[in-house]
Structures are given as structure tokens and as C-alpha cells.
C-alpha atoms as a PDB file:
ATOM      1  CA  ARG A   1     -21.001  58.304  22.763  1.00  0.00           C
ATOM      2  CA  ALA A   2     -24.534  59.659  22.811  1.00  0.00           C
ATOM      3  CA  SER A   3     -23.444  62.612  24.914  1.00  0.00           C
ATOM      4  CA  ALA A   4     -20.532  63.280  22.571  1.00  0.00           C
ATOM      5  CA  LEU A   5     -22.923  63.478  19.655  1.00  0.00           C
ATOM      6  CA  MET A   6     -24.701  66.365  21.366  1.00  0.00           C
ATOM      7  CA  PHE A   7     -21.589  68.518  20.992  1.00  0.00           C
ATOM      8  CA  VAL A   8     -21.206  68.031  17.229  1.00  0.00           C
ATOM      9  CA  PRO A   9     -21.805  71.434  15.623  1.00  0.00           C
ATOM     10  CA  LEU A  10     -25.260  71.442  14.004  1.00  0.00           C
ATOM     11  CA  PRO A  11     -24.047  72.480  10.522  1.00  0.00           C
ATOM     12  CA  LYS A  12     -21.550  69.578  10.430  1.00  0.00           C
ATOM     13  CA  LEU A  13     -24.160  67.155  11.763  1.00  0.00           C
ATOM     14  CA  ALA A  14     -26.615  68.253   9.073  1.00  0.00           C
ATOM     15  CA  ILE A  15     -23.986  67.791   6.367  1.00  0.00           C
ATOM     16  CA  SER A  16     -23.122  64.306   7.662  1.00  0.00           C
ATOM     17  CA  VAL A  17     -26.775  63.242   7.679  1.00  0.00           C
ATOM     18  CA  ALA A  18     -27.276  64.630   4.178  1.00  0.00           C
ATOM     19  CA  LEU A  19     -24.175  62.824   2.916  1.00  0.00           C
ATOM     20  CA  LEU A  20     -25.368  59.511   4.355  1.00  0.00           C
ATOM     21  CA  HIS A  21     -28.718  60.027   2.648  1.00  0.00           C
ATOM     22  CA  VAL A  22     -27.060  60.702  -0.718  1.00  0.00           C
ATOM     23  CA  LEU A  23     -24.849  57.617  -0.399  1.00  0.00           C
ATOM     24  CA  ALA A  24     -27.829  55.451   0.496  1.00  0.00           C
ATOM     25  CA  VAL A  25     -29.840  56.697  -2.477  1.00  0.00           C
ATOM     26  CA  ASN A  26     -26.939  56.287  -4.877  1.00  0.00           C
ATOM     27  CA  SER A  27     -26.151  52.752  -3.702  1.00  0.00           C
ATOM     28  CA  ALA A  28     -29.783  51.799  -4.183  1.00  0.00           C
ATOM     29  CA  GLU A  29     -29.718  53.149  -7.740  1.00  0.00           C
ATOM     30  CA  VAL A  30     -26.542  51.320  -8.774  1.00  0.00           C
ATOM     31  CA  PRO A  31     -27.641  48.237 -10.736  1.00  0.00           C
ATOM     32  CA  ASN A  32     -26.341  44.838  -9.700  1.00  0.00           C
ATOM     33  CA  GLU A  33     -23.358  43.935 -11.863  1.00  0.00           C
ATOM     34  CA  LEU A  34     -24.089  41.485 -14.647  1.00  0.00           C
ATOM     35  CA  VAL A  35     -21.762  38.643 -15.534  1.00  0.00           C
ATOM     36  CA  HIS A  36     -21.727  36.480 -18.659  1.00  0.00           C
ATOM     37  CA  ILE A  37     -21.286  32.775 -17.899  1.00  0.00           C
ATOM     38  CA  TYR A  38     -21.860  29.442 -19.582  1.00  0.00           C
ATOM     39  CA  PHE A  39     -22.645  25.913 -18.451  1.00  0.00           C
ATOM     40  CA  GLY A  40     -22.324  22.583 -20.232  1.00  0.00           C
ATOM     41  CA  CYS A  41     -23.848  19.246 -19.238  1.00  0.00           C
ATOM     42  CA  GLY A  42     -24.370  17.055 -22.284  1.00  0.00           C
ATOM     43  CA  CYS A  43     -26.650  18.055 -25.159  1.00  0.00           C
ATOM     44  CA  PHE A  44     -27.441  21.753 -24.952  1.00  0.00           C
ATOM     45  CA  TRP A  45     -31.123  21.427 -25.908  1.00  0.00           C
ATOM     46  CA  HIS A  46     -32.438  20.445 -22.487  1.00  0.00           C
ATOM     47  CA  VAL A  47     -29.873  22.644 -20.737  1.00  0.00           C
ATOM     48  CA  GLN A  48     -31.179  25.722 -22.549  1.00  0.00           C
ATOM     49  CA  HIS A  49     -34.733  24.856 -21.576  1.00  0.00           C
ATOM     50  CA  GLU A  50     -33.818  24.616 -17.891  1.00  0.00           C
ATOM     51  CA  PHE A  51     -31.989  27.937 -17.871  1.00  0.00           C
ATOM     52  CA  ILE A  52     -34.763  29.736 -19.729  1.00  0.00           C
ATOM     53  CA  GLN A  53     -37.090  28.483 -17.001  1.00  0.00           C
ATOM     54  CA  ALA A  54     -34.568  29.728 -14.420  1.00  0.00           C
ATOM     55  CA  GLU A  55     -34.488  33.172 -16.030  1.00  0.00           C
ATOM     56  CA  LYS A  56     -38.263  33.288 -15.730  1.00  0.00           C
ATOM     57  CA  ASP A  57     -38.541  31.921 -12.183  1.00  0.00           C
ATOM     58  CA  ILE A  58     -35.365  33.218 -10.517  1.00  0.00           C
ATOM     59  CA  LEU A  59     -34.584  36.398 -12.437  1.00  0.00           C
ATOM     60  CA  ASP A  60     -38.208  37.347 -13.125  1.00  0.00           C
ATOM     61  CA  ARG A  61     -37.417  37.854 -16.803  1.00  0.00           C
ATOM     62  CA  ALA A  62     -39.838  37.868 -19.708  1.00  0.00           C
ATOM     63  CA  PRO A  63     -39.149  36.636 -23.269  1.00  0.00           C
ATOM     64  CA  ALA A  64     -38.029  40.138 -24.233  1.00  0.00           C
ATOM     65  CA  THR A  65     -35.083  39.843 -21.840  1.00  0.00           C
ATOM     66  CA  TYR A  66     -34.125  36.141 -21.980  1.00  0.00           C
ATOM     67  CA  THR A  67     -30.399  35.585 -22.542  1.00  0.00           C
ATOM     68  CA  ALA A  68     -29.840  31.793 -22.355  1.00  0.00           C
ATOM     69  CA  ILE A  69     -28.751  30.546 -25.786  1.00  0.00           C
ATOM     70  CA  CYS A  70     -27.029  27.419 -27.093  1.00  0.00           C
ATOM     71  CA  GLY A  71     -23.396  27.609 -28.123  1.00  0.00           C
ATOM     72  CA  TYR A  72     -19.904  26.154 -28.109  1.00  0.00           C
ATOM     73  CA  ALA A  73     -16.884  26.828 -25.882  1.00  0.00           C
ATOM     74  CA  GLY A  74     -13.730  25.301 -24.436  1.00  0.00           C
ATOM     75  CA  GLY A  75     -11.886  24.679 -27.711  1.00  0.00           C
ATOM     76  CA  LYS A  76      -8.224  25.317 -28.398  1.00  0.00           C
ATOM     77  CA  ILE A  77      -8.439  26.992 -31.785  1.00  0.00           C
ATOM     78  CA  GLU A  78     -10.906  28.338 -34.304  1.00  0.00           C
ATOM     79  CA  THR A  79     -11.834  26.212 -37.250  1.00  0.00           C
ATOM     80  CA  MET A  80     -10.027  26.540 -40.557  1.00  0.00           C
ATOM     81  CA  MET A  81     -12.933  28.533 -41.983  1.00  0.00           C
ATOM     82  CA  GLY A  82     -13.075  30.829 -38.974  1.00  0.00           C
ATOM     83  CA  LYS A  83     -16.446  29.482 -37.864  1.00  0.00           C
ATOM     84  CA  THR A  84     -17.458  27.091 -35.104  1.00  0.00           C
ATOM     85  CA  CYS A  85     -20.287  24.921 -36.401  1.00  0.00           C
ATOM     86  CA  TYR A  86     -22.103  21.754 -35.394  1.00  0.00           C
ATOM     87  CA  ASP A  87     -20.221  19.661 -37.946  1.00  0.00           C
ATOM     88  CA  ASN A  88     -16.778  20.650 -36.661  1.00  0.00           C
ATOM     89  CA  TYR A  89     -16.978  21.990 -33.093  1.00  0.00           C
ATOM     90  CA  ALA A  90     -15.592  18.818 -31.474  1.00  0.00           C
ATOM     91  CA  TRP A  91     -12.939  17.957 -34.076  1.00  0.00           C
ATOM     92  CA  PRO A  92      -9.468  17.027 -32.762  1.00  0.00           C
ATOM     93  CA  TYR A  93      -7.338  20.093 -31.993  1.00  0.00           C
ATOM     94  CA  ILE A  94     -10.515  22.213 -31.818  1.00  0.00           C
ATOM     95  CA  GLY A  95     -12.366  20.447 -29.017  1.00  0.00           C
ATOM     96  CA  ASN A  96     -15.330  22.617 -28.076  1.00  0.00           C
ATOM     97  CA  THR A  97     -18.196  21.354 -25.957  1.00  0.00           C
ATOM     98  CA  GLU A  98     -21.882  22.198 -26.096  1.00  0.00           C
ATOM     99  CA  VAL A  99     -22.813  24.893 -23.589  1.00  0.00           C
ATOM    100  CA  VAL A 100     -25.523  27.404 -22.807  1.00  0.00           C
ATOM    101  CA  GLY A 101     -24.408  30.982 -22.281  1.00  0.00           C
ATOM    102  CA  MET A 102     -26.357  33.561 -20.341  1.00  0.00           C
ATOM    103  CA  THR A 103     -26.032  36.880 -18.524  1.00  0.00           C
ATOM    104  CA  VAL A 104     -27.004  36.998 -14.848  1.00  0.00           C
ATOM    105  CA  PRO A 105     -26.724  39.434 -11.924  1.00  0.00           C
ATOM    106  CA  LYS A 106     -23.888  38.482  -9.614  1.00  0.00           C
ATOM    107  CA  ASP A 107     -26.185  38.290  -6.609  1.00  0.00           C
ATOM    108  CA  LYS A 108     -28.249  35.619  -8.408  1.00  0.00           C
ATOM    109  CA  LEU A 109     -25.310  33.464  -9.494  1.00  0.00           C
ATOM    110  CA  PHE A 110     -25.739  31.113  -6.540  1.00  0.00           C
ATOM    111  CA  GLU A 111     -29.332  30.300  -7.474  1.00  0.00           C
ATOM    112  CA  ILE A 112     -28.506  29.925 -11.172  1.00  0.00           C
ATOM    113  CA  ALA A 113     -25.605  27.615 -10.296  1.00  0.00           C
ATOM    114  CA  GLU A 114     -27.995  25.455  -8.272  1.00  0.00           C
ATOM    115  CA  VAL A 115     -29.935  24.839 -11.488  1.00  0.00           C
ATOM    116  CA  PHE A 116     -26.734  23.659 -13.165  1.00  0.00           C
ATOM    117  CA  TRP A 117     -25.867  21.179 -10.408  1.00  0.00           C
ATOM    118  CA  GLU A 118     -29.413  19.798 -10.484  1.00  0.00           C
ATOM    119  CA  LEU A 119     -28.915  18.855 -14.156  1.00  0.00           C
ATOM    120  CA  PHE A 120     -26.766  15.864 -13.229  1.00  0.00           C
ATOM    121  CA  LYS A 121     -28.062  12.388 -12.531  1.00  0.00           C
ATOM    122  CA  GLY A 122     -25.570  11.076 -10.024  1.00  0.00           C
ATOM    123  CA  LYS A 123     -22.142  11.864 -11.430  1.00  0.00           C
ATOM    124  CA  ASP A 124     -23.284  11.814 -15.060  1.00  0.00           C
ATOM    125  CA  ARG A 125     -25.244  13.921 -17.494  1.00  0.00           C
ATOM    126  CA  VAL A 126     -28.733  12.603 -18.169  1.00  0.00           C
ATOM    127  CA  ASP A 127     -27.992  11.908 -21.850  1.00  0.00           C
ATOM    128  CA  THR A 128     -25.334   9.261 -21.291  1.00  0.00           C
ATOM    129  CA  MET A 129     -25.767   8.068 -24.866  1.00  0.00           C
ATOM    130  CA  ASP A 130     -24.026  11.283 -25.984  1.00  0.00           C
ATOM    131  CA  VAL A 131     -20.342  10.372 -25.813  1.00  0.00           C
ATOM    132  CA  GLY A 132     -17.261  12.448 -26.512  1.00  0.00           C
ATOM    133  CA  ILE A 133     -15.528  15.681 -25.596  1.00  0.00           C
ATOM    134  CA  GLY A 134     -18.312  17.649 -27.273  1.00  0.00           C
ATOM    135  CA  TYR A 135     -20.585  16.807 -24.351  1.00  0.00           C
ATOM    136  CA  ARG A 136     -18.234  17.172 -21.382  1.00  0.00           C
ATOM    137  CA  ALA A 137     -19.380  19.083 -18.299  1.00  0.00           C
ATOM    138  CA  ALA A 138     -18.142  22.658 -18.235  1.00  0.00           C
ATOM    139  CA  ILE A 139     -18.430  25.972 -16.431  1.00  0.00           C
ATOM    140  CA  GLY A 140     -17.284  29.245 -17.991  1.00  0.00           C
ATOM    141  CA  ILE A 141     -16.793  32.338 -15.831  1.00  0.00           C
ATOM    142  CA  PRO A 142     -14.618  35.457 -16.105  1.00  0.00           C
ATOM    143  CA  GLY A 143     -11.282  34.614 -14.509  1.00  0.00           C
ATOM    144  CA  GLY A 144     -11.849  30.861 -14.577  1.00  0.00           C
ATOM    145  CA  SER A 145     -10.447  28.854 -11.671  1.00  0.00           C
ATOM    146  CA  ALA A 146      -8.941  31.991 -10.096  1.00  0.00           C
ATOM    147  CA  SER A 147     -12.261  33.832  -9.983  1.00  0.00           C
ATOM    148  CA  GLU A 148     -14.105  34.469  -6.745  1.00  0.00           C
ATOM    149  CA  LEU A 149     -17.249  33.684  -8.706  1.00  0.00           C
ATOM    150  CA  LEU A 150     -16.193  30.051  -8.750  1.00  0.00           C
ATOM    151  CA  GLU A 151     -16.495  30.022  -4.970  1.00  0.00           C
ATOM    152  CA  VAL A 152     -20.138  31.014  -5.365  1.00  0.00           C
ATOM    153  CA  VAL A 153     -20.720  28.245  -7.919  1.00  0.00           C
ATOM    154  CA  ASP A 154     -18.997  25.739  -5.648  1.00  0.00           C
ATOM    155  CA  ALA A 155     -21.045  26.845  -2.656  1.00  0.00           C
ATOM    156  CA  ALA A 156     -24.166  26.108  -4.695  1.00  0.00           C
ATOM    157  CA  GLN A 157     -22.718  22.664  -5.352  1.00  0.00           C
ATOM    158  CA  ASP A 158     -22.379  22.111  -1.593  1.00  0.00           C
ATOM    159  CA  LYS A 159     -26.089  22.769  -1.136  1.00  0.00           C
ATOM    160  CA  VAL A 160     -27.138  20.421  -3.940  1.00  0.00           C
ATOM    161  CA  ALA A 161     -24.598  17.767  -2.906  1.00  0.00           C
ATOM    162  CA  ALA A 162     -26.043  17.694   0.607  1.00  0.00           C
ATOM    163  CA  LYS A 163     -29.296  16.554  -0.979  1.00  0.00           C
ATOM    164  CA  ASN A 164     -28.126  14.446  -3.922  1.00  0.00           C
ATOM    165  CA  GLY A 165     -25.005  12.922  -2.395  1.00  0.00           C
ATOM    166  CA  TRP A 166     -22.591  13.682  -5.237  1.00  0.00           C
ATOM    167  CA  ARG A 167     -19.786  16.215  -5.345  1.00  0.00           C
ATOM    168  CA  PHE A 168     -17.757  17.121  -8.422  1.00  0.00           C
ATOM    169  CA  GLU A 169     -14.123  18.087  -8.785  1.00  0.00           C
ATOM    170  CA  LEU A 170     -13.702  21.499 -10.378  1.00  0.00           C
ATOM    171  CA  LYS A 171     -10.624  21.385 -12.602  1.00  0.00           C
ATOM    172  CA  GLU A 172      -9.053  24.111 -14.706  1.00  0.00           C
ATOM    173  CA  GLY A 173      -9.663  23.478 -18.399  1.00  0.00           C
ATOM    174  CA  LYS A 174      -6.796  23.795 -20.861  1.00  0.00           C
ATOM    175  CA  GLY A 175      -8.920  23.454 -23.983  1.00  0.00           C
ATOM    176  CA  ALA A 176     -10.168  20.383 -25.856  1.00  0.00           C
ATOM    177  CA  ASP A 177     -10.269  18.530 -22.544  1.00  0.00           C
ATOM    178  CA  SER A 178     -11.424  14.943 -22.080  1.00  0.00           C
ATOM    179  CA  ASP A 179     -15.007  13.783 -21.724  1.00  0.00           C
ATOM    180  CA  THR A 180     -16.347  13.746 -18.170  1.00  0.00           C
ATOM    181  CA  LEU A 181     -18.783  10.873 -18.639  1.00  0.00           C
ATOM    182  CA  GLY A 182     -18.488   8.432 -15.738  1.00  0.00           C
ATOM    183  CA  THR A 183     -16.354  10.868 -13.745  1.00  0.00           C
ATOM    184  CA  ALA A 184     -17.460  13.358 -11.100  1.00  0.00           C
ATOM    185  CA  LEU A 185     -15.582  16.155 -12.844  1.00  0.00           C
ATOM    186  CA  VAL A 186     -16.451  19.555 -14.318  1.00  0.00           C
ATOM    187  CA  TRP A 187     -13.980  21.559 -16.397  1.00  0.00           C
ATOM    188  CA  VAL A 188     -13.714  25.259 -15.513  1.00  0.00           C
ATOM    189  CA  TYR A 189     -12.897  27.772 -18.255  1.00  0.00           C
ATOM    190  CA  ASP A 190     -11.953  31.423 -18.207  1.00  0.00           C
ATOM    191  CA  THR A 191     -14.434  33.100 -20.543  1.00  0.00           C
ATOM    192  CA  ASN A 192     -11.742  35.591 -21.545  1.00  0.00           C
ATOM    193  CA  GLU A 193      -9.548  32.780 -22.868  1.00  0.00           C
ATOM    194  CA  PHE A 194     -12.319  30.405 -23.941  1.00  0.00           C
ATOM    195  CA  PRO A 195     -15.197  32.631 -25.065  1.00  0.00           C
ATOM    196  CA  PHE A 196     -18.735  31.556 -25.820  1.00  0.00           C
ATOM    197  CA  VAL A 197     -19.701  31.143 -29.488  1.00  0.00           C
ATOM    198  CA  GLN A 198     -23.361  31.053 -30.477  1.00  0.00           C
ATOM    199  CA  ALA A 199     -24.603  27.826 -32.069  1.00  0.00           C
ATOM    200  CA  GLU A 200     -26.723  27.690 -35.200  1.00  0.00           C
ATOM    201  CA  LEU A 201     -30.262  29.032 -35.189  1.00  0.00           C
ATOM    202  CA  TYR A 202     -31.812  25.615 -35.687  1.00  0.00           C
ATOM    203  CA  HIS A 203     -30.338  24.466 -32.359  1.00  0.00           C
ATOM    204  CA  GLN A 204     -31.986  27.274 -30.391  1.00  0.00           C
ATOM    205  CA  PHE A 205     -35.124  26.447 -28.357  1.00  0.00           C
ATOM    206  CA  HIS A 206     -35.141  22.969 -29.832  1.00  0.00           C
ATOM    207  CA  ASP A 207     -37.164  20.080 -28.417  1.00  0.00           C
ATOM    208  CA  ASP A 208     -35.076  17.535 -26.550  1.00  0.00           C
ATOM    209  CA  PHE A 209     -34.996  13.787 -27.288  1.00  0.00           C
ATOM    210  CA  MET A 210     -35.103  12.768 -23.632  1.00  0.00           C
ATOM    211  CA  PRO A 211     -38.415  11.945 -21.854  1.00  0.00           C
ATOM    212  CA  GLY A 212     -40.358  15.149 -21.270  1.00  0.00           C
ATOM    213  CA  GLY A 213     -38.421  16.928 -23.996  1.00  0.00           C
ATOM    214  CA  LYS A 214     -41.387  17.799 -26.197  1.00  0.00           C
ATOM    215  CA  TYR A 215     -41.654  21.448 -25.194  1.00  0.00           C
ATOM    216  CA  PRO A 216     -44.599  23.804 -25.813  1.00  0.00           C
ATOM    217  CA  GLN A 217     -44.708  25.559 -29.165  1.00  0.00           C
ATOM    218  CA  SER A 218     -44.458  28.857 -27.296  1.00  0.00           C
ATOM    219  CA  TYR A 219     -40.998  27.784 -26.179  1.00  0.00           C
ATOM    220  CA  ASN A 220     -39.914  26.782 -29.696  1.00  0.00           C
ATOM    221  CA  ASP A 221     -41.170  30.130 -31.010  1.00  0.00           C
ATOM    222  CA  LEU A 222     -38.809  32.057 -28.731  1.00  0.00           C
ATOM    223  CA  VAL A 223     -36.149  31.681 -31.424  1.00  0.00           C
ATOM    224  CA  ARG A 224     -38.110  34.148 -33.559  1.00  0.00           C
ATOM    225  CA  ASP A 225     -38.295  36.680 -30.725  1.00  0.00           C
ATOM    226  CA  LEU A 226     -34.549  36.574 -30.151  1.00  0.00           C
ATOM    227  CA  ILE A 227     -33.782  36.822 -33.858  1.00  0.00           C
ATOM    228  CA  SER A 228     -36.055  39.837 -34.218  1.00  0.00           C
ATOM    229  CA  SER A 229     -34.398  41.561 -31.257  1.00  0.00           C
ATOM    230  CA  GLY A 230     -30.894  40.807 -32.534  1.00  0.00           C
ATOM    231  CA  ARG A 231     -29.962  38.557 -29.627  1.00  0.00           C
ATOM    232  CA  LEU A 232     -29.610  35.656 -32.065  1.00  0.00           C
ATOM    233  CA  VAL A 233     -27.865  35.994 -35.414  1.00  0.00           C
ATOM    234  CA  ASN A 234     -27.146  33.784 -38.391  1.00  0.00           C
ATOM    235  CA  THR A 235     -23.754  32.177 -37.775  1.00  0.00           C
ATOM    236  CA  GLY A 236     -22.937  31.554 -41.406  1.00  0.00           C
ATOM    237  CA  CYS A 237     -22.633  27.834 -40.713  1.00  0.00           C
ATOM    238  CA  PRO A 238     -24.116  25.244 -43.105  1.00  0.00           C
ATOM    239  CA  ASN A 239     -27.888  24.880 -42.799  1.00  0.00           C
ATOM    240  CA  ASP A 240     -28.118  27.827 -40.412  1.00  0.00           C
ATOM    241  CA  LEU A 241     -31.456  29.136 -41.598  1.00  0.00           C
ATOM    242  CA  ALA A 242     -33.898  31.303 -39.723  1.00  0.00           C
ATOM    243  CA  PRO A 243     -37.583  30.379 -39.256  1.00  0.00           C
ATOM    244  CA  ALA A 244     -39.822  31.783 -41.974  1.00  0.00           C
ATOM    245  CA  SER A 245     -41.786  34.057 -39.648  1.00  0.00           C
ATOM    246  CA  SER A 246     -38.642  35.655 -38.245  1.00  0.00           C
ATOM    247  CA  THR A 247     -37.087  38.833 -39.541  1.00  0.00           C
ATOM    248  CA  SER A 248     -34.574  37.876 -42.192  1.00  0.00           C
ATOM    249  CA  THR A 249     -31.341  39.877 -42.313  1.00  0.00           C
ATOM    250  CA  SER A 250     -28.682  40.386 -44.910  1.00  0.00           C
ATOM    251  CA  SER A 251     -26.558  37.754 -43.175  1.00  0.00           C
ATOM    252  CA  GLY A 252     -29.307  35.145 -43.017  1.00  0.00           C
ATOM    253  CA  GLN A 253     -31.862  33.365 -45.135  1.00  0.00           C
ATOM    254  CA  ALA A 254     -35.453  32.774 -44.066  1.00  0.00           C
ATOM    255  CA  LEU A 255     -37.049  29.372 -44.412  1.00  0.00           C
ATOM    256  CA  ASN A 256     -39.941  29.182 -46.851  1.00  0.00           C
ATOM    257  CA  ASN A 257     -41.922  26.344 -45.302  1.00  0.00           C
ATOM    258  CA  GLU A 258     -41.942  23.802 -42.514  1.00  0.00           C
ATOM    259  CA  SER A 259     -40.236  21.182 -44.688  1.00  0.00           C
ATOM    260  CA  ASP A 260     -37.147  23.391 -44.848  1.00  0.00           C
ATOM    261  CA  VAL A 261     -36.613  23.126 -41.093  1.00  0.00           C
ATOM    262  CA  PRO A 262     -33.692  20.755 -40.287  1.00  0.00           C
ATOM    263  CA  SER A 263     -35.154  17.496 -39.013  1.00  0.00           C
ATOM    264  CA  ARG A 264     -34.700  16.252 -35.459  1.00  0.00           C
ATOM    265  CA  GLN A 265     -32.455  13.529 -36.812  1.00  0.00           C
ATOM    266  CA  SER A 266     -30.236  15.858 -38.828  1.00  0.00           C
ATOM    267  CA  SER A 267     -29.703  18.170 -35.869  1.00  0.00           C
ATOM    268  CA  MET A 268     -29.724  15.473 -33.208  1.00  0.00           C
ATOM    269  CA  CYS A 269     -27.358  15.674 -30.260  1.00  0.00           C
ATOM    270  CA  THR A 270     -25.424  12.452 -30.852  1.00  0.00           C
ATOM    271  CA  SER A 271     -21.898  11.262 -30.310  1.00  0.00           C
ATOM    272  CA  SER A 272     -20.655  13.355 -33.249  1.00  0.00           C
ATOM    273  CA  SER A 273     -20.009  10.191 -35.234  1.00  0.00           C
ATOM    274  CA  HIS A 274     -20.807  12.134 -38.385  1.00  0.00           C
ATOM    275  CA  ALA A 275     -17.529  14.004 -37.998  1.00  0.00           C
ATOM    276  CA  TRP A 276     -15.218  11.002 -37.694  1.00  0.00           C
ATOM    277  CA  PRO A 277     -14.467  10.579 -41.437  1.00  0.00           C
ATOM    278  CA  VAL A 278     -13.243  14.154 -41.595  1.00  0.00           C
ATOM    279  CA  MET A 279     -11.394  13.760 -38.302  1.00  0.00           C
ATOM    280  CA  LEU A 280      -9.526  10.791 -39.758  1.00  0.00           C
ATOM    281  CA  LEU A 281      -8.554  12.795 -42.827  1.00  0.00           C
ATOM    282  CA  LEU A 282      -7.281  15.588 -40.596  1.00  0.00           C
ATOM    283  CA  ARG A 283      -5.128  13.167 -38.633  1.00  0.00           C
ATOM    284  CA  VAL A 284      -3.645  11.746 -41.851  1.00  0.00           C
ATOM    285  CA  ALA A 285      -2.992  15.216 -43.227  1.00  0.00           C
ATOM    286  CA  SER A 286      -1.344  16.299 -39.984  1.00  0.00           C
ATOM    287  CA  SER A 287       0.995  13.288 -40.031  1.00  0.00           C
ATOM    288  CA  LEU A 288       1.937  13.961 -43.657  1.00  0.00           C
ATOM    289  CA  TRP A 289       2.649  17.637 -43.010  1.00  0.00           C
ATOM    290  CA  GLY A 290       4.767  16.705 -40.036  1.00  0.00           C
ATOM    291  CA  MET A 291       7.045  14.482 -42.138  1.00  0.00           C
END
């Protein structure tokens, strides 16, 4: 083959070498494709904190480029008012769960997925006191169960399972699916069919109620950075008010003082018991309309 190369006309050889150089340069300049995904594993407060740390450590991002934000996904329908809010996201026939959405390069998905699998304690979320479909384990990727990206996420599970001893079934979500507490199960959603919806501002970069969940003030203050850059917006949900030092927009209202900030108790990740009276009324109304 080496001798055959000697007989290649010099002009053609030069063109071939030049073409290979151009292709190599162009391929190096093409940015790695980004993909928007979301993960759910109980209350989204501590999940957001872990993925912000992952963006810093794995993706080498700074606050100006963080993308991990709290939200809702996996529901069947929008709410009657056209908004998905904390006081209705897990209602019957809506059925969202708390998730954290983020944008990552495809070639870093494996490492980001490892962070997700490390969130579990055995086969359960760490906040086992949070009960209900609003806290079920979930993965959202473009294409859902049919996506090749799921193979990457599952391969990351293999690595973590070899260390922790637990493996989870990945099951296609249909919307408003059952709670996964006590079951080694994670629902998989197609982000095209079950898109991510941002949660209220007061849920973003919130301290967690679990041990170690009192985060630095610098972490809490990230909400202001993302509001100022437009990566976080006022959802229009009740009590969705921006911190006073943030840039207020026409769609939002700035808080005037610290006492205006929703308390930890009022925005606590709990079993959504506050929604049950309304849920009961909805069930009664549905039965009456069906008569």
C-alpha cells in the first residue's frame, strides 16, 4: 500500500491532504450537541442543589451559565387556569411530579446521569416522608423510552448499581403515573410529549429540610442572577414573587423586604396534603358532570 501511494499524482495527493485538514478543523469547531433533560427524585430542592454542583464540577460552568432549575413535568393535562403551580401540580388528572430541568452536552450525559442515580438511598428517595405522585422518580429525555439517550442513562445506572447494589426498572410514563416510593422504579418521559414547566421563583435555589440542607447564601442568591439574565421568569402562579434585589419585570412583582419571602413552612416539600380538599371537590364535580 505504501508503494501504491507513491504513484498518486501529486496534485491529487495535495488536495486529499488539504481536504482532510479542513474536515479535521471543521469537526473540532462543531460544538457538542446540547440536550434538554429533567430528573425527579422526591422534593426538587435538594435535587437542584446537586445538579448545580454537577454543572460546576462536571461541566465547568459558572453561575452565568447554570441551567438547572426546579419545575414540574409528567402530567396529563394543563390546569384549568393554564398554569402549573405548586398548589395544583399533583391534582388528580393533572399528575405532575417535581423535577429539575437542565441543558447538558450529549457527551456529558453519562456523568450527569451518575449524579441522578446517586440521589437514591437504596431503592427510595431520601425524603421518604414526601408521599404521593408529585414526588415520584422520573427521567425526561427527547424521545423517551425509544431514545438512544436512555441507553446512556441506563449505562450510568449500571456503574452506580455495581457500587450501591440497587438497580431500577425504567418504565415508559403515560402521565400522572403512580408514586415510586418503596419500588425500584423510575418513570421515563418523552420531553416532547411531557415538557418541563418552570416552578415558582420561591422554589428556586431553596434550602432543603433534610440534614445538610442549609446551603450557603451564595447558593440562595443564584435565583437573582438567573432572574436578571432571563433564565428564570415569573410564572404567574400565586405567591410567585421575585427577591427584592432582583430585576423586576412587567410580569413579576419584587418583594419589598425579607418578611415578604414565603416561609419554609409555606413552601415546604410535603405530601401535598394542602391540595386534598380541592381534589375532593374536583372528584365530586367530575361525578356530577358525568351523570
